[in-house]
Amino acid sequence: VTVLGGHCRIAYDGESGLTQVRDFQPDVVILDIGMPGIDGYETCRRIRAEFGPDLLVVALTGWGQERDKRKAWRAGFDVHLTKPADPIALERLLAGVPVEA
């Protein structure tokens, strides 16, 4: 799938997401937190363990309370966006512009 001039892959659970990251080797990973199987927090921890800190990992979730954001930072997310995310903020993020979340 091509979005905003870039290519993306879609996965519907954490295990499939990890497989997509391994196969596709993206510059940015956008994860929901409440996925079936392993949740987004654990998926992020596994991505960090395997790929290190250089991959941009974004939480895009309906879970937006402060405790959810703290848990996201501890799991290794770089950015936490609460749904519905501002499309302009997403576009800026994908363009490499820092986004306040």
Protein backbone atom coordinates (compact mmCIF):
# COMPACT_ATOMS: atom_id res chain seq x y z
CA VAL A 1 0.00 0.00 0.00
CA THR A 2 1.30 3.47 -0.86
CA VAL A 3 0.43 6.31 1.51
CA LEU A 4 1.69 9.91 1.30
CA GLY A 5 4.35 8.80 -1.17
CA GLY A 6 5.70 6.00 1.02
CA HIS A 7 5.03 2.29 1.21
CA CYS A 8 3.38 0.62 4.16
CA ARG A 9 2.40 -2.82 5.35
CA ILE A 10 -0.54 -3.68 7.59
CA ALA A 11 -0.76 -6.27 10.34
CA TYR A 12 -3.71 -6.95 12.62
CA ASP A 13 -1.92 -8.43 15.64
CA GLY A 14 1.42 -8.15 17.39
CA GLU A 15 3.01 -11.34 16.06
CA SER A 16 2.13 -10.44 12.47
CA GLY A 17 3.40 -6.93 13.11
CA LEU A 18 6.77 -8.26 14.25
CA THR A 19 6.97 -10.41 11.12
CA GLN A 20 6.16 -7.37 8.95
CA VAL A 21 8.89 -5.30 10.66
CA ARG A 22 11.44 -8.07 10.10
CA ASP A 23 10.46 -8.56 6.45
CA PHE A 24 9.79 -4.95 5.43
CA GLN A 25 12.36 -3.13 7.61
CA PRO A 26 10.41 0.14 7.78
CA ASP A 27 11.64 3.54 8.92
CA VAL A 28 8.52 4.05 11.07
CA VAL A 29 6.25 1.62 12.91
CA ILE A 30 2.78 2.76 14.01
CA LEU A 31 1.20 0.43 16.57
CA ASP A 32 -2.13 0.24 18.28
CA ILE A 33 -1.88 -0.75 21.95
CA GLY A 34 -4.99 -2.95 22.19
CA MET A 35 -4.11 -5.58 19.60
CA PRO A 36 -5.11 -9.24 19.85
CA GLY A 37 -2.43 -11.65 21.06
CA ILE A 38 0.54 -9.67 22.28
CA ASP A 39 -0.44 -6.06 22.88
CA GLY A 40 1.29 -3.00 21.47
CA TYR A 41 3.41 -2.48 24.58
CA GLU A 42 4.95 -5.96 24.31
CA THR A 43 5.23 -5.66 20.54
CA CYS A 44 7.17 -2.41 21.01
CA ARG A 45 9.46 -4.00 23.62
CA ARG A 46 10.23 -6.84 21.19
CA ILE A 47 10.87 -4.42 18.33
CA ARG A 48 13.28 -2.47 20.54
CA ALA A 49 15.06 -5.65 21.65
CA GLU A 50 15.53 -6.77 18.06
CA PHE A 51 16.05 -3.47 16.19
CA GLY A 52 17.32 -1.06 18.82
CA PRO A 53 16.53 2.62 19.32
CA ASP A 54 16.93 3.92 15.76
CA LEU A 55 13.53 2.79 14.46
CA LEU A 56 10.76 5.35 15.09
CA VAL A 57 7.93 3.56 16.94
CA VAL A 58 4.63 5.41 17.37
CA ALA A 59 1.68 4.44 19.56
CA LEU A 60 -1.61 5.33 17.86
CA THR A 61 -4.26 4.32 20.34
CA GLY A 62 -7.52 5.12 22.05
CA TRP A 63 -5.73 4.71 25.38
CA GLY A 64 -4.74 8.30 26.10
CA GLN A 65 -4.63 8.77 29.86
CA GLU A 66 -1.36 9.85 31.47
CA ARG A 67 -0.72 6.36 32.88
CA ASP A 68 -1.13 4.94 29.34
CA LYS A 69 1.42 7.42 28.01
CA ARG A 70 3.89 6.61 30.80
CA LYS A 71 3.48 2.90 30.09
CA ALA A 72 4.10 3.60 26.38
CA TRP A 73 7.35 5.47 27.13
CA ARG A 74 8.51 2.62 29.38
CA ALA A 75 7.76 0.10 26.61
CA GLY A 76 9.98 2.08 24.22
CA PHE A 77 7.57 4.13 22.11
CA ASP A 78 9.00 7.38 20.75
CA VAL A 79 5.63 9.10 20.27
CA HIS A 80 2.17 8.50 21.74
CA LEU A 81 -0.82 9.75 19.70
CA THR A 82 -4.39 9.33 20.88
CA LYS A 83 -7.12 8.43 18.40
CA PRO A 84 -8.41 10.09 16.44
CA ALA A 85 -4.98 11.42 15.53
CA ASP A 86 -4.65 14.72 13.75
CA PRO A 87 -3.89 13.82 10.11
CA ILE A 88 -1.57 16.81 9.81
CA ALA A 89 0.39 15.63 12.86
CA LEU A 90 0.68 12.16 11.31
CA GLU A 91 1.86 13.61 8.01
CA ARG A 92 4.44 15.79 9.80
CA LEU A 93 5.62 12.77 11.81
CA LEU A 94 6.07 10.70 8.66
CA ALA A 95 7.98 13.60 7.09
CA GLY A 96 10.41 13.54 10.02
CA VAL A 97 9.12 16.64 11.79
CA PRO A 98 8.94 16.23 15.59
CA VAL A 99 5.37 16.10 16.87
CA GLU A 100 4.24 17.09 20.34
CA ALA A 101 2.01 14.28 21.56
